[in-house]
Protein backbone atom coordinates (compact mmCIF):
# COMPACT_ATOMS: atom_id res chain seq x y z
CA UNK A 1 126.53 98.63 70.19
CA UNK A 2 129.99 100.19 70.01
CA UNK A 3 131.93 101.17 66.88
CA UNK A 4 135.64 100.29 66.81
CA UNK A 5 138.24 101.47 64.29
CA UNK A 6 140.72 98.72 63.39
CA UNK A 7 143.94 98.73 61.35
CA UNK A 8 147.16 96.70 61.26
CA UNK A 9 150.84 97.64 60.97
CA UNK A 10 153.91 95.56 60.03
CA UNK A 11 157.25 96.15 58.27
CA UNK A 12 155.40 96.52 54.98
CA UNK A 13 153.33 99.45 56.16
CA UNK A 14 149.89 100.17 57.49
CA UNK A 15 146.57 98.85 56.24
CA UNK A 16 143.54 100.98 55.60
CA UNK A 17 141.27 101.21 58.62
CA UNK A 18 137.91 99.52 58.93
CA UNK A 19 134.95 100.31 61.18
CA UNK A 20 133.67 97.29 63.09
CA UNK A 21 130.53 97.28 65.23
CA UNK A 22 130.70 95.31 68.47
CA UNK A 23 127.67 94.42 70.60
CA UNK A 24 127.82 94.45 74.38
CA UNK A 25 128.27 90.86 75.66
CA UNK A 26 125.13 89.22 77.03
CA UNK A 27 126.64 89.05 80.52
CA UNK A 28 127.09 92.86 80.65
CA UNK A 29 124.10 95.11 81.38
CA UNK A 30 124.26 98.86 80.79
CA UNK A 31 121.87 100.56 83.22
CA UNK A 32 120.62 103.87 81.81
CA UNK A 33 117.16 104.13 83.40
CA UNK A 34 116.21 104.71 87.03
CA UNK A 35 115.17 101.65 89.07
CA UNK A 36 111.45 102.17 89.65
CA UNK A 37 110.32 98.60 90.45
CA UNK A 38 111.68 96.00 92.87
CA UNK A 39 114.76 94.72 91.05
CA UNK A 40 117.60 92.22 91.57
CA UNK A 41 121.07 92.57 90.03
CA UNK A 42 122.54 89.07 89.76
CA UNK A 43 126.16 87.96 90.08
CA UNK A 44 126.18 86.23 86.67
CA UNK A 45 126.23 89.66 85.01
CA UNK A 46 128.34 92.80 85.27
CA UNK A 47 126.23 95.93 85.72
CA UNK A 48 127.39 99.29 84.33
CA UNK A 49 125.97 102.55 85.66
CA UNK A 50 125.54 104.67 82.53
CA UNK A 51 125.01 107.98 84.35
CA UNK A 52 123.23 109.03 87.58
CA UNK A 53 120.86 106.16 88.44
CA UNK A 54 118.15 106.67 91.08
CA UNK A 55 116.60 103.81 93.03
CA UNK A 56 112.99 104.88 93.55
CA UNK A 57 111.48 108.33 93.12
CA UNK A 58 110.89 110.37 96.26
CA UNK A 59 109.04 113.14 94.41
CA UNK A 60 106.42 110.70 93.12
CA UNK A 61 106.27 108.40 96.19
CA UNK A 62 107.75 105.43 94.32
CA UNK A 63 109.49 103.32 96.97
CA UNK A 64 111.34 100.24 95.71
CA UNK A 65 114.12 97.85 96.76
CA UNK A 66 117.21 97.15 94.67
CA UNK A 67 118.79 93.84 95.72
CA UNK A 68 122.35 93.04 94.66
CA UNK A 69 123.43 89.41 94.92
CA UNK A 70 126.64 88.37 96.72
CA UNK A 71 129.69 88.44 94.45
CA UNK A 72 128.23 90.96 91.99
CA UNK A 73 130.36 93.67 90.33
CA UNK A 74 128.94 97.09 89.46
CA UNK A 75 130.96 99.46 87.26
CA UNK A 76 130.59 103.22 87.14
CA UNK A 77 131.01 104.32 83.52
CA UNK A 78 134.00 106.68 83.27
CA UNK A 79 132.53 108.24 80.11
CA UNK A 80 128.81 108.87 80.77
CA UNK A 81 126.53 110.48 78.17
CA UNK A 82 127.12 114.14 77.34
CA UNK A 83 125.40 116.39 79.85
CA UNK A 84 125.43 113.83 82.69
CA UNK A 85 127.45 114.93 85.71
CA UNK A 86 128.82 111.42 86.17
CA UNK A 87 127.90 107.82 86.89
CA UNK A 88 126.68 107.14 90.41
CA UNK A 89 123.94 105.29 92.29
CA UNK A 90 121.45 107.22 94.42
CA UNK A 91 119.00 105.48 96.76
CA UNK A 92 116.01 107.81 97.10
CA UNK A 93 114.42 108.54 100.45
CA UNK A 94 111.90 105.79 101.18
CA UNK A 95 113.61 103.19 98.97
CA UNK A 96 116.15 100.54 99.95
CA UNK A 97 119.42 99.07 98.69
CA UNK A 98 120.11 95.51 99.86
CA UNK A 99 123.71 94.65 98.99
CA UNK A 100 124.43 91.82 101.42
CA UNK A 101 127.37 89.51 100.85
CA UNK A 102 125.97 87.23 103.58
CA UNK A 103 122.42 87.08 102.23
CA UNK A 104 122.46 83.28 101.86
CA UNK A 105 124.13 82.56 105.23
CA UNK A 106 122.21 81.62 108.38
CA UNK A 107 124.61 83.75 110.45
CA UNK A 108 124.61 87.01 108.57
CA UNK A 109 126.84 88.80 111.08
CA UNK A 110 130.04 86.86 110.26
CA UNK A 111 132.90 88.28 108.20
CA UNK A 112 131.97 87.88 104.51
CA UNK A 113 133.84 85.45 102.28
CA UNK A 114 136.04 87.35 99.76
CA UNK A 115 134.28 85.68 96.82
CA UNK A 116 130.95 87.06 98.06
CA UNK A 117 132.05 90.69 98.38
CA UNK A 118 129.98 93.11 96.27
CA UNK A 119 132.26 95.54 94.41
CA UNK A 120 131.43 99.00 93.09
CA UNK A 121 134.34 100.14 90.94
CA UNK A 122 135.43 102.02 87.82
CA UNK A 123 134.75 100.83 84.28
CA UNK A 124 138.36 101.63 83.35
CA UNK A 125 140.66 98.62 82.84
CA UNK A 126 142.52 97.27 85.86
CA UNK A 127 145.74 99.18 86.32
CA UNK A 128 144.23 102.35 84.82
CA UNK A 129 141.61 103.09 87.47
CA UNK A 130 141.99 106.25 89.51
CA UNK A 131 140.20 108.48 92.00
CA UNK A 132 137.14 110.20 90.61
CA UNK A 133 136.49 107.79 87.73
CA UNK A 134 132.82 107.67 88.77
CA UNK A 135 130.59 109.29 91.37
CA UNK A 136 130.12 106.71 94.12
CA UNK A 137 127.12 105.71 96.24
CA UNK A 138 124.54 108.05 97.80
CA UNK A 139 121.87 106.86 100.24
CA UNK A 140 119.02 109.19 101.26
CA UNK A 141 116.96 108.47 104.35
CA UNK A 142 114.25 110.00 106.51
CA UNK A 143 116.13 110.24 109.81
CA UNK A 144 116.59 113.56 111.66
CA UNK A 145 119.13 116.18 110.62
CA UNK A 146 119.96 119.43 112.40
CA UNK A 147 119.70 121.73 109.36
CA UNK A 148 115.90 121.63 109.16
CA UNK A 149 113.28 119.01 108.39
CA UNK A 150 114.96 118.11 105.12
CA UNK A 151 117.84 119.19 102.91
CA UNK A 152 119.02 118.87 99.33
CA UNK A 153 121.85 116.41 98.81
CA UNK A 154 125.11 117.23 97.10
CA UNK A 155 125.58 116.14 93.53
CA UNK A 156 121.92 116.74 92.66
CA UNK A 157 121.08 113.62 94.66
CA UNK A 158 117.65 114.58 95.96
CA UNK A 159 116.08 115.41 99.31
CA UNK A 160 116.89 113.71 102.60
CA UNK A 161 115.92 113.98 106.25
CA UNK A 162 112.80 113.48 108.34
CA UNK A 163 111.62 112.36 111.78
CA UNK A 164 112.15 108.58 111.70
CA UNK A 165 115.15 107.74 113.88
CA UNK A 166 114.89 104.05 112.89
CA UNK A 167 114.40 104.61 109.17
CA UNK A 168 115.57 101.63 107.09
CA UNK A 169 117.43 102.30 103.83
CA UNK A 170 118.59 98.69 103.48
CA UNK A 171 121.81 96.73 103.99
CA UNK A 172 125.43 97.31 102.96
CA UNK A 173 127.39 94.29 104.18
CA UNK A 174 130.51 92.94 102.53
CA UNK A 175 130.75 95.85 100.08
CA UNK A 176 133.75 97.65 98.55
CA UNK A 177 133.44 101.05 96.85
CA UNK A 178 136.56 102.19 95.00
CA UNK A 179 137.93 104.86 92.61
CA UNK A 180 134.89 107.09 93.12
CA UNK A 181 134.06 110.66 94.11
CA UNK A 182 133.58 114.00 92.43
CA UNK A 183 134.66 117.48 93.51
CA UNK A 184 132.83 120.10 91.43
CA UNK A 185 133.14 122.90 93.99
CA UNK A 186 134.17 123.17 97.64
CA UNK A 187 130.51 122.70 98.64
CA UNK A 188 129.32 120.34 95.91
CA UNK A 189 131.14 117.04 96.18
CA UNK A 190 130.45 113.32 95.95
CA UNK A 191 131.96 110.96 98.50
CA UNK A 192 132.67 107.25 98.28
CA UNK A 193 129.52 106.63 100.32
CA UNK A 194 127.31 109.59 101.29
CA UNK A 195 124.83 108.75 104.06
CA UNK A 196 122.24 111.52 103.93
CA UNK A 197 119.72 111.37 106.76
CA UNK A 198 120.11 107.59 106.97
CA UNK A 199 118.35 105.93 109.89
CA UNK A 200 119.34 103.38 112.53
CA UNK A 201 117.31 100.64 110.82
CA UNK A 202 119.96 100.54 108.09
CA UNK A 203 122.84 98.03 108.36
CA UNK A 204 126.35 99.10 107.29
CA UNK A 205 128.88 96.42 108.20
CA UNK A 206 132.14 95.09 106.71
CA UNK A 207 132.50 97.89 104.17
CA UNK A 208 135.61 99.31 102.51
CA UNK A 209 135.98 102.60 100.65
CA UNK A 210 139.20 102.74 98.61
CA UNK A 211 140.92 105.54 96.69
CA UNK A 212 138.11 108.08 96.68
CA UNK A 213 138.68 111.64 95.50
CA UNK A 214 136.77 113.22 98.42
CA UNK A 215 135.72 111.68 101.77
CA UNK A 216 135.47 107.96 102.36
CA UNK A 217 132.09 108.08 104.10
CA UNK A 218 130.22 111.20 105.14
CA UNK A 219 126.98 111.06 107.12
CA UNK A 220 124.82 114.17 106.75
CA UNK A 221 122.71 113.94 109.88
CA UNK A 222 121.00 110.64 110.48
CA UNK A 223 121.44 107.91 113.08
CA UNK A 224 122.96 104.96 111.20
CA UNK A 225 125.86 102.98 112.69
CA UNK A 226 128.93 101.94 110.69
CA UNK A 227 130.81 98.86 111.92
CA UNK A 228 133.85 96.95 110.63
CA UNK A 229 134.83 99.80 108.30
CA UNK A 230 138.07 100.07 106.32
CA UNK A 231 138.89 103.31 104.49
CA UNK A 232 142.09 103.51 102.42
CA UNK A 233 143.87 105.96 100.12
CA UNK A 234 141.29 108.73 100.46
CA UNK A 235 141.84 112.17 98.90
CA UNK A 236 140.18 114.07 101.77
CA UNK A 237 138.74 112.85 105.09
CA UNK A 238 138.51 109.11 105.70
CA UNK A 239 135.45 109.68 107.90
CA UNK A 240 133.54 112.94 107.93
CA UNK A 241 130.23 114.01 109.43
CA UNK A 242 127.91 117.00 109.38
CA UNK A 243 124.31 118.10 109.97
CA UNK A 244 124.15 116.52 113.41
CA UNK A 245 125.24 112.93 112.75
């Protein structure tokens, strides 16, 4: 429930203000808890990330799959709770994100229909969105990296890395990530899509990153392929790579 202050003005002057409480519409879901069971986000609702949201829990061996239906919109809250670094989605090592615009098609490899594209964007109104409104998407996998057996991800995003070249962190197909990123320091940044030790069993195809404050996509080690990629209006590198990608 939100509180809104309302008053009116005309040639006769200004009314006294009133406080009105407004409930979130039923077709909007504010996500404030980590996803710790197999879950589906449906296209009939808009999903708001109310802070850093983890899919699964690597520390406690909780491996789950978050499925996002074709045509779904996910908003990163531009004003997360006090003390939260920002709003972003982190897929823990061992868990999977399946955001596939072609999920219902027999030929999943075709170019997605625009109405089926899955959009991660800012909660700000259209026309007021800008780089860095929210944190972006982080995927942690168990594929090899060249900085040791495992490493700690930027943005307090958890551990990544391992020995499974074909590790499967899910599917990103027909996805757009926009107005994201976070640059706290020169060595602590969030990209549009950070691929941290992500394995070759993961599918990344027909993806756009738009107007991100740092890099468009940055693989940290790993073996995943990226195909049919479009990266536009990026504040730093469109494509980056480190830790032996």
